Amino acid sequence: MSATVQSLGVLAAAVHILDPVERIPVVLLPGEHITDPAVAEQITHPRCWELGQSPAQQTPPGKSVRKAKPA
């Protein structure tokens, strides 16, 4: 029996990252489903994601977004 792997998001652009385990350069192509949170946190530009924001920026339903205080 295999566990269901949930996609964190789908890429809209090609991105260059470092493999989180082996620390070697990797190119991910548009349309790829990202399932590893360590990979997703390296992709910070909103235009790289199909929904226009990284999974870290997406707010779960019922949660409020806190604004950062100006320095």
PDB file of N, CA and C in Angstrom:
ATOM      1  N   MET A   1       0.852  -1.181   0.000  1.00  0.00           N
ATOM      2  CA  MET A   1       0.000   0.000   0.000  1.00  0.00           C
ATOM      3  C   MET A   1       0.893   1.237   0.000  1.00  0.00           C
ATOM      4  N   SER A   2       0.625   2.170  -0.875  1.00  0.00           N
ATOM      5  CA  SER A   2       1.431   3.384  -0.933  1.00  0.00           C
ATOM      6  C   SER A   2       0.675   4.548  -0.312  1.00  0.00           C
ATOM      7  N   ALA A   3       1.415   5.434   0.285  1.00  0.00           N
ATOM      8  CA  ALA A   3       0.817   6.621   0.905  1.00  0.00           C
ATOM      9  C   ALA A   3       0.520   7.657  -0.179  1.00  0.00           C
ATOM     10  N   THR A   4      -0.556   8.383  -0.004  1.00  0.00           N
ATOM     11  CA  THR A   4      -0.904   9.439  -0.936  1.00  0.00           C
ATOM     12  C   THR A   4      -0.007  10.639  -0.672  1.00  0.00           C
ATOM     13  N   VAL A   5       0.633  11.137  -1.721  1.00  0.00           N
ATOM     14  CA  VAL A   5       1.515  12.288  -1.608  1.00  0.00           C
ATOM     15  C   VAL A   5       0.758  13.495  -2.138  1.00  0.00           C
ATOM     16  N   GLN A   6       0.600  14.491  -1.287  1.00  0.00           N
ATOM     17  CA  GLN A   6      -0.145  15.685  -1.672  1.00  0.00           C
ATOM     18  C   GLN A   6       0.802  16.705  -2.289  1.00  0.00           C
ATOM     19  N   SER A   7       0.372  17.253  -3.411  1.00  0.00           N
ATOM     20  CA  SER A   7       1.146  18.270  -4.094  1.00  0.00           C
ATOM     21  C   SER A   7       1.009  19.600  -3.352  1.00  0.00           C
ATOM     22  N   LEU A   8       2.136  20.278  -3.146  1.00  0.00           N
ATOM     23  CA  LEU A   8       2.122  21.595  -2.516  1.00  0.00           C
ATOM     24  C   LEU A   8       1.817  22.687  -3.521  1.00  0.00           C
ATOM     25  N   GLY A   9       2.075  22.404  -4.782  1.00  0.00           N
ATOM     26  CA  GLY A   9       1.824  23.368  -5.840  1.00  0.00           C
ATOM     27  C   GLY A   9       2.385  22.874  -7.154  1.00  0.00           C
ATOM     28  N   VAL A  10       2.042  23.588  -8.216  1.00  0.00           N
ATOM     29  CA  VAL A  10       2.502  23.246  -9.557  1.00  0.00           C
ATOM     30  C   VAL A  10       3.303  24.429 -10.097  1.00  0.00           C
ATOM     31  N   LEU A  11       4.418  24.115 -10.713  1.00  0.00           N
ATOM     32  CA  LEU A  11       5.281  25.171 -11.236  1.00  0.00           C
ATOM     33  C   LEU A  11       4.740  25.744 -12.537  1.00  0.00           C
ATOM     34  N   ALA A  12       4.871  27.051 -12.681  1.00  0.00           N
ATOM     35  CA  ALA A  12       4.473  27.747 -13.898  1.00  0.00           C
ATOM     36  C   ALA A  12       5.698  28.150 -14.709  1.00  0.00           C
ATOM     37  N   ALA A  13       6.880  28.002 -14.141  1.00  0.00           N
ATOM     38  CA  ALA A  13       8.123  28.374 -14.807  1.00  0.00           C
ATOM     39  C   ALA A  13       9.220  27.396 -14.401  1.00  0.00           C
ATOM     40  N   ALA A  14      10.260  27.340 -15.196  1.00  0.00           N
ATOM     41  CA  ALA A  14      11.416  26.521 -14.846  1.00  0.00           C
ATOM     42  C   ALA A  14      12.178  27.201 -13.709  1.00  0.00           C
ATOM     43  N   VAL A  15      12.653  26.412 -12.760  1.00  0.00           N
ATOM     44  CA  VAL A  15      13.412  26.959 -11.635  1.00  0.00           C
ATOM     45  C   VAL A  15      14.673  26.131 -11.409  1.00  0.00           C
ATOM     46  N   HIS A  16      15.682  26.784 -10.893  1.00  0.00           N
ATOM     47  CA  HIS A  16      16.942  26.134 -10.540  1.00  0.00           C
ATOM     48  C   HIS A  16      17.025  26.126  -9.018  1.00  0.00           C
ATOM     49  N   ILE A  17      17.204  24.939  -8.430  1.00  0.00           N
ATOM     50  CA  ILE A  17      17.326  24.810  -6.983  1.00  0.00           C
ATOM     51  C   ILE A  17      18.475  23.870  -6.659  1.00  0.00           C
ATOM     52  N   LEU A  18      18.752  23.717  -5.373  1.00  0.00           N
ATOM     53  CA  LEU A  18      19.695  22.700  -4.906  1.00  0.00           C
ATOM     54  C   LEU A  18      18.888  21.557  -4.313  1.00  0.00           C
ATOM     55  N   ASP A  19      19.239  20.338  -4.700  1.00  0.00           N
ATOM     56  CA  ASP A  19      18.588  19.170  -4.124  1.00  0.00           C
ATOM     57  C   ASP A  19      18.786  19.229  -2.611  1.00  0.00           C
ATOM     58  N   PRO A  20      17.699  19.135  -1.827  1.00  0.00           N
ATOM     59  CA  PRO A  20      17.833  19.296  -0.373  1.00  0.00           C
ATOM     60  C   PRO A  20      18.657  18.204   0.306  1.00  0.00           C
ATOM     61  N   VAL A  21      18.799  17.042  -0.312  1.00  0.00           N
ATOM     62  CA  VAL A  21      19.548  15.945   0.295  1.00  0.00           C
ATOM     63  C   VAL A  21      20.990  15.925  -0.211  1.00  0.00           C
ATOM     64  N   GLU A  22      21.143  15.911  -1.528  1.00  0.00           N
ATOM     65  CA  GLU A  22      22.473  15.765  -2.119  1.00  0.00           C
ATOM     66  C   GLU A  22      23.193  17.082  -2.362  1.00  0.00           C
ATOM     67  N   ARG A  23      22.455  18.214  -2.267  1.00  0.00           N
ATOM     68  CA  ARG A  23      23.022  19.558  -2.459  1.00  0.00           C
ATOM     69  C   ARG A  23      23.655  19.724  -3.834  1.00  0.00           C
ATOM     70  N   ILE A  24      23.024  19.153  -4.861  1.00  0.00           N
ATOM     71  CA  ILE A  24      23.472  19.330  -6.238  1.00  0.00           C
ATOM     72  C   ILE A  24      22.432  20.164  -6.980  1.00  0.00           C
ATOM     73  N   PRO A  25      22.842  20.938  -8.000  1.00  0.00           N
ATOM     74  CA  PRO A  25      21.884  21.749  -8.746  1.00  0.00           C
ATOM     75  C   PRO A  25      20.876  20.874  -9.499  1.00  0.00           C
ATOM     76  N   VAL A  26      19.603  21.317  -9.473  1.00  0.00           N
ATOM     77  CA  VAL A  26      18.511  20.618 -10.147  1.00  0.00           C
ATOM     78  C   VAL A  26      17.669  21.659 -10.872  1.00  0.00           C
ATOM     79  N   VAL A  27      17.196  21.312 -12.065  1.00  0.00           N
ATOM     80  CA  VAL A  27      16.285  22.181 -12.804  1.00  0.00           C
ATOM     81  C   VAL A  27      14.909  21.511 -12.798  1.00  0.00           C
ATOM     82  N   LEU A  28      13.907  22.241 -12.311  1.00  0.00           N
ATOM     83  CA  LEU A  28      12.527  21.758 -12.316  1.00  0.00           C
ATOM     84  C   LEU A  28      11.781  22.510 -13.417  1.00  0.00           C
ATOM     85  N   LEU A  29      10.960  21.809 -14.165  1.00  0.00           N
ATOM     86  CA  LEU A  29      10.296  22.380 -15.337  1.00  0.00           C
ATOM     87  C   LEU A  29       8.849  22.757 -15.050  1.00  0.00           C
ATOM     88  N   PRO A  30       8.276  23.648 -15.868  1.00  0.00           N
ATOM     89  CA  PRO A  30       6.874  24.027 -15.695  1.00  0.00           C
ATOM     90  C   PRO A  30       5.961  22.795 -15.755  1.00  0.00           C
ATOM     91  N   GLY A  31       4.946  22.797 -14.913  1.00  0.00           N
ATOM     92  CA  GLY A  31       3.999  21.688 -14.863  1.00  0.00           C
ATOM     93  C   GLY A  31       4.336  20.638 -13.823  1.00  0.00           C
ATOM     94  N   GLU A  32       5.540  20.697 -13.248  1.00  0.00           N
ATOM     95  CA  GLU A  32       5.914  19.706 -12.237  1.00  0.00           C
ATOM     96  C   GLU A  32       5.183  19.993 -10.923  1.00  0.00           C
ATOM     97  N   HIS A  33       4.697  18.928 -10.300  1.00  0.00           N
ATOM     98  CA  HIS A  33       4.043  19.025  -8.995  1.00  0.00           C
ATOM     99  C   HIS A  33       5.121  18.917  -7.923  1.00  0.00           C
ATOM    100  N   ILE A  34       5.142  19.871  -7.018  1.00  0.00           N
ATOM    101  CA  ILE A  34       6.135  19.887  -5.945  1.00  0.00           C
ATOM    102  C   ILE A  34       5.491  19.277  -4.702  1.00  0.00           C
ATOM    103  N   THR A  35       6.120  18.233  -4.171  1.00  0.00           N
ATOM    104  CA  THR A  35       5.581  17.545  -3.000  1.00  0.00           C
ATOM    105  C   THR A  35       6.479  17.677  -1.772  1.00  0.00           C
ATOM    106  N   ASP A  36       7.715  18.077  -1.961  1.00  0.00           N
ATOM    107  CA  ASP A  36       8.672  18.178  -0.860  1.00  0.00           C
ATOM    108  C   ASP A  36       8.707  19.617  -0.327  1.00  0.00           C
ATOM    109  N   PRO A  37       8.377  19.827   0.959  1.00  0.00           N
ATOM    110  CA  PRO A  37       8.408  21.177   1.521  1.00  0.00           C
ATOM    111  C   PRO A  37       9.794  21.821   1.458  1.00  0.00           C
ATOM    112  N   ALA A  38      10.866  21.023   1.545  1.00  0.00           N
ATOM    113  CA  ALA A  38      12.224  21.566   1.473  1.00  0.00           C
ATOM    114  C   ALA A  38      12.514  22.134   0.088  1.00  0.00           C
ATOM    115  N   VAL A  39      11.920  21.553  -0.935  1.00  0.00           N
ATOM    116  CA  VAL A  39      12.064  22.068  -2.297  1.00  0.00           C
ATOM    117  C   VAL A  39      11.200  23.316  -2.459  1.00  0.00           C
ATOM    118  N   ALA A  40       9.958  23.256  -1.989  1.00  0.00           N
ATOM    119  CA  ALA A  40       9.018  24.370  -2.138  1.00  0.00           C
ATOM    120  C   ALA A  40       9.522  25.644  -1.472  1.00  0.00           C
ATOM    121  N   GLU A  41      10.195  25.519  -0.344  1.00  0.00           N
ATOM    122  CA  GLU A  41      10.648  26.738   0.346  1.00  0.00           C
ATOM    123  C   GLU A  41      11.808  27.415  -0.384  1.00  0.00           C
ATOM    124  N   GLN A  42      12.476  26.713  -1.292  1.00  0.00           N
ATOM    125  CA  GLN A  42      13.537  27.334  -2.091  1.00  0.00           C
ATOM    126  C   GLN A  42      12.980  28.160  -3.251  1.00  0.00           C
ATOM    127  N   ILE A  43      11.727  27.892  -3.635  1.00  0.00           N
ATOM    128  CA  ILE A  43      11.126  28.572  -4.784  1.00  0.00           C
ATOM    129  C   ILE A  43      10.280  29.722  -4.244  1.00  0.00           C
ATOM    130  N   THR A  44      10.889  30.895  -4.162  1.00  0.00           N
ATOM    131  CA  THR A  44      10.252  32.022  -3.479  1.00  0.00           C
ATOM    132  C   THR A  44       9.570  33.019  -4.401  1.00  0.00           C
ATOM    133  N   HIS A  45       9.895  33.017  -5.682  1.00  0.00           N
ATOM    134  CA  HIS A  45       9.305  34.000  -6.591  1.00  0.00           C
ATOM    135  C   HIS A  45       7.867  33.590  -6.912  1.00  0.00           C
ATOM    136  N   PRO A  46       6.889  34.458  -6.677  1.00  0.00           N
ATOM    137  CA  PRO A  46       5.479  34.109  -6.893  1.00  0.00           C
ATOM    138  C   PRO A  46       5.143  33.703  -8.323  1.00  0.00           C
ATOM    139  N   ARG A  47       5.834  34.265  -9.308  1.00  0.00           N
ATOM    140  CA  ARG A  47       5.523  33.941 -10.704  1.00  0.00           C
ATOM    141  C   ARG A  47       5.963  32.536 -11.101  1.00  0.00           C
ATOM    142  N   CYS A  48       6.712  31.868 -10.250  1.00  0.00           N
ATOM    143  CA  CYS A  48       7.128  30.490 -10.536  1.00  0.00           C
ATOM    144  C   CYS A  48       6.000  29.496 -10.262  1.00  0.00           C
ATOM    145  N   TRP A  49       4.991  29.905  -9.523  1.00  0.00           N
ATOM    146  CA  TRP A  49       3.882  29.021  -9.141  1.00  0.00           C
ATOM    147  C   TRP A  49       2.650  29.322  -9.975  1.00  0.00           C
ATOM    148  N   GLU A  50       1.869  28.281 -10.306  1.00  0.00           N
ATOM    149  CA  GLU A  50       0.665  28.467 -11.123  1.00  0.00           C
ATOM    150  C   GLU A  50      -0.351  29.391 -10.467  1.00  0.00           C
ATOM    151  N   LEU A  51      -0.499  29.345  -9.161  1.00  0.00           N
ATOM    152  CA  LEU A  51      -1.480  30.182  -8.479  1.00  0.00           C
ATOM    153  C   LEU A  51      -0.956  31.575  -8.163  1.00  0.00           C
ATOM    154  N   GLY A  52       0.285  31.853  -8.528  1.00  0.00           N
ATOM    155  CA  GLY A  52       0.834  33.187  -8.333  1.00  0.00           C
ATOM    156  C   GLY A  52       1.397  33.444  -6.951  1.00  0.00           C
ATOM    157  N   GLN A  53       1.479  32.419  -6.122  1.00  0.00           N
ATOM    158  CA  GLN A  53       2.129  32.567  -4.822  1.00  0.00           C
ATOM    159  C   GLN A  53       2.631  31.214  -4.348  1.00  0.00           C
ATOM    160  N   SER A  54       3.702  31.241  -3.571  1.00  0.00           N
ATOM    161  CA  SER A  54       4.298  30.003  -3.096  1.00  0.00           C
ATOM    162  C   SER A  54       3.386  29.351  -2.060  1.00  0.00           C
ATOM    163  N   PRO A  55       3.507  28.048  -1.868  1.00  0.00           N
ATOM    164  CA  PRO A  55       2.684  27.371  -0.864  1.00  0.00           C
ATOM    165  C   PRO A  55       2.856  27.960   0.532  1.00  0.00           C
ATOM    166  N   ALA A  56       4.026  28.493   0.832  1.00  0.00           N
ATOM    167  CA  ALA A  56       4.262  29.099   2.146  1.00  0.00           C
ATOM    168  C   ALA A  56       3.442  30.368   2.319  1.00  0.00           C
ATOM    169  N   GLN A  57       3.111  31.052   1.213  1.00  0.00           N
ATOM    170  CA  GLN A  57       2.349  32.293   1.277  1.00  0.00           C
ATOM    171  C   GLN A  57       0.847  32.053   1.260  1.00  0.00           C
ATOM    172  N   GLN A  58       0.425  30.856   0.868  1.00  0.00           N
ATOM    173  CA  GLN A  58      -1.002  30.565   0.794  1.00  0.00           C
ATOM    174  C   GLN A  58      -1.555  30.391   2.204  1.00  0.00           C
ATOM    175  N   THR A  59      -2.666  31.050   2.481  1.00  0.00           N
ATOM    176  CA  THR A  59      -3.275  31.007   3.799  1.00  0.00           C
ATOM    177  C   THR A  59      -4.354  29.942   3.830  1.00  0.00           C
ATOM    178  N   PRO A  60      -4.283  29.003   4.789  1.00  0.00           N
ATOM    179  CA  PRO A  60      -5.339  28.004   4.894  1.00  0.00           C
ATOM    180  C   PRO A  60      -6.671  28.673   5.231  1.00  0.00           C
ATOM    181  N   PRO A  61      -7.797  28.081   4.815  1.00  0.00           N
ATOM    182  CA  PRO A  61      -9.097  28.678   5.118  1.00  0.00           C
ATOM    183  C   PRO A  61      -9.292  28.855   6.624  1.00  0.00           C
ATOM    184  N   GLY A  62      -9.849  30.000   6.999  1.00  0.00           N
ATOM    185  CA  GLY A  62     -10.118  30.252   8.410  1.00  0.00           C
ATOM    186  C   GLY A  62      -8.961  30.881   9.165  1.00  0.00           C
ATOM    187  N   LYS A  63      -7.823  31.035   8.520  1.00  0.00           N
ATOM    188  CA  LYS A  63      -6.650  31.650   9.166  1.00  0.00           C
ATOM    189  C   LYS A  63      -6.515  33.080   8.679  1.00  0.00           C
ATOM    190  N   SER A  64      -6.140  33.972   9.576  1.00  0.00           N
ATOM    191  CA  SER A  64      -5.922  35.345   9.171  1.00  0.00           C
ATOM    192  C   SER A  64      -4.458  35.579   8.878  1.00  0.00           C
ATOM    193  N   VAL A  65      -4.199  36.547   8.059  1.00  0.00           N
ATOM    194  CA  VAL A  65      -2.826  36.876   7.690  1.00  0.00           C
ATOM    195  C   VAL A  65      -2.361  38.030   8.565  1.00  0.00           C
ATOM    196  N   ARG A  66      -1.215  37.856   9.207  1.00  0.00           N
ATOM    197  CA  ARG A  66      -0.643  38.921  10.030  1.00  0.00           C
ATOM    198  C   ARG A  66       0.269  39.760   9.175  1.00  0.00           C
ATOM    199  N   LYS A  67       0.157  41.050   9.309  1.00  0.00           N
ATOM    200  CA  LYS A  67       1.024  41.964   8.570  1.00  0.00           C
ATOM    201  C   LYS A  67       2.310  42.183   9.358  1.00  0.00           C
ATOM    202  N   ALA A  68       3.412  42.298   8.635  1.00  0.00           N
ATOM    203  CA  ALA A  68       4.689  42.572   9.285  1.00  0.00           C
ATOM    204  C   ALA A  68       4.730  44.031   9.726  1.00  0.00           C
ATOM    205  N   LYS A  69       5.359  44.255  10.867  1.00  0.00           N
ATOM    206  CA  LYS A  69       5.509  45.616  11.362  1.00  0.00           C
ATOM    207  C   LYS A  69       6.627  46.295  10.611  1.00  0.00           C
ATOM    208  N   PRO A  70       6.440  47.579  10.251  1.00  0.00           N
ATOM    209  CA  PRO A  70       7.530  48.279   9.566  1.00  0.00           C
ATOM    210  C   PRO A  70       8.713  48.477  10.507  1.00  0.00           C
ATOM    211  N   ALA A  71       9.909  48.447   9.942  1.00  0.00           N
ATOM    212  CA  ALA A  71      11.127  48.571  10.754  1.00  0.00           C
ATOM    213  C   ALA A  71      11.364  50.004  11.169  1.00  0.00           C
TER     214      ALA A  71
END
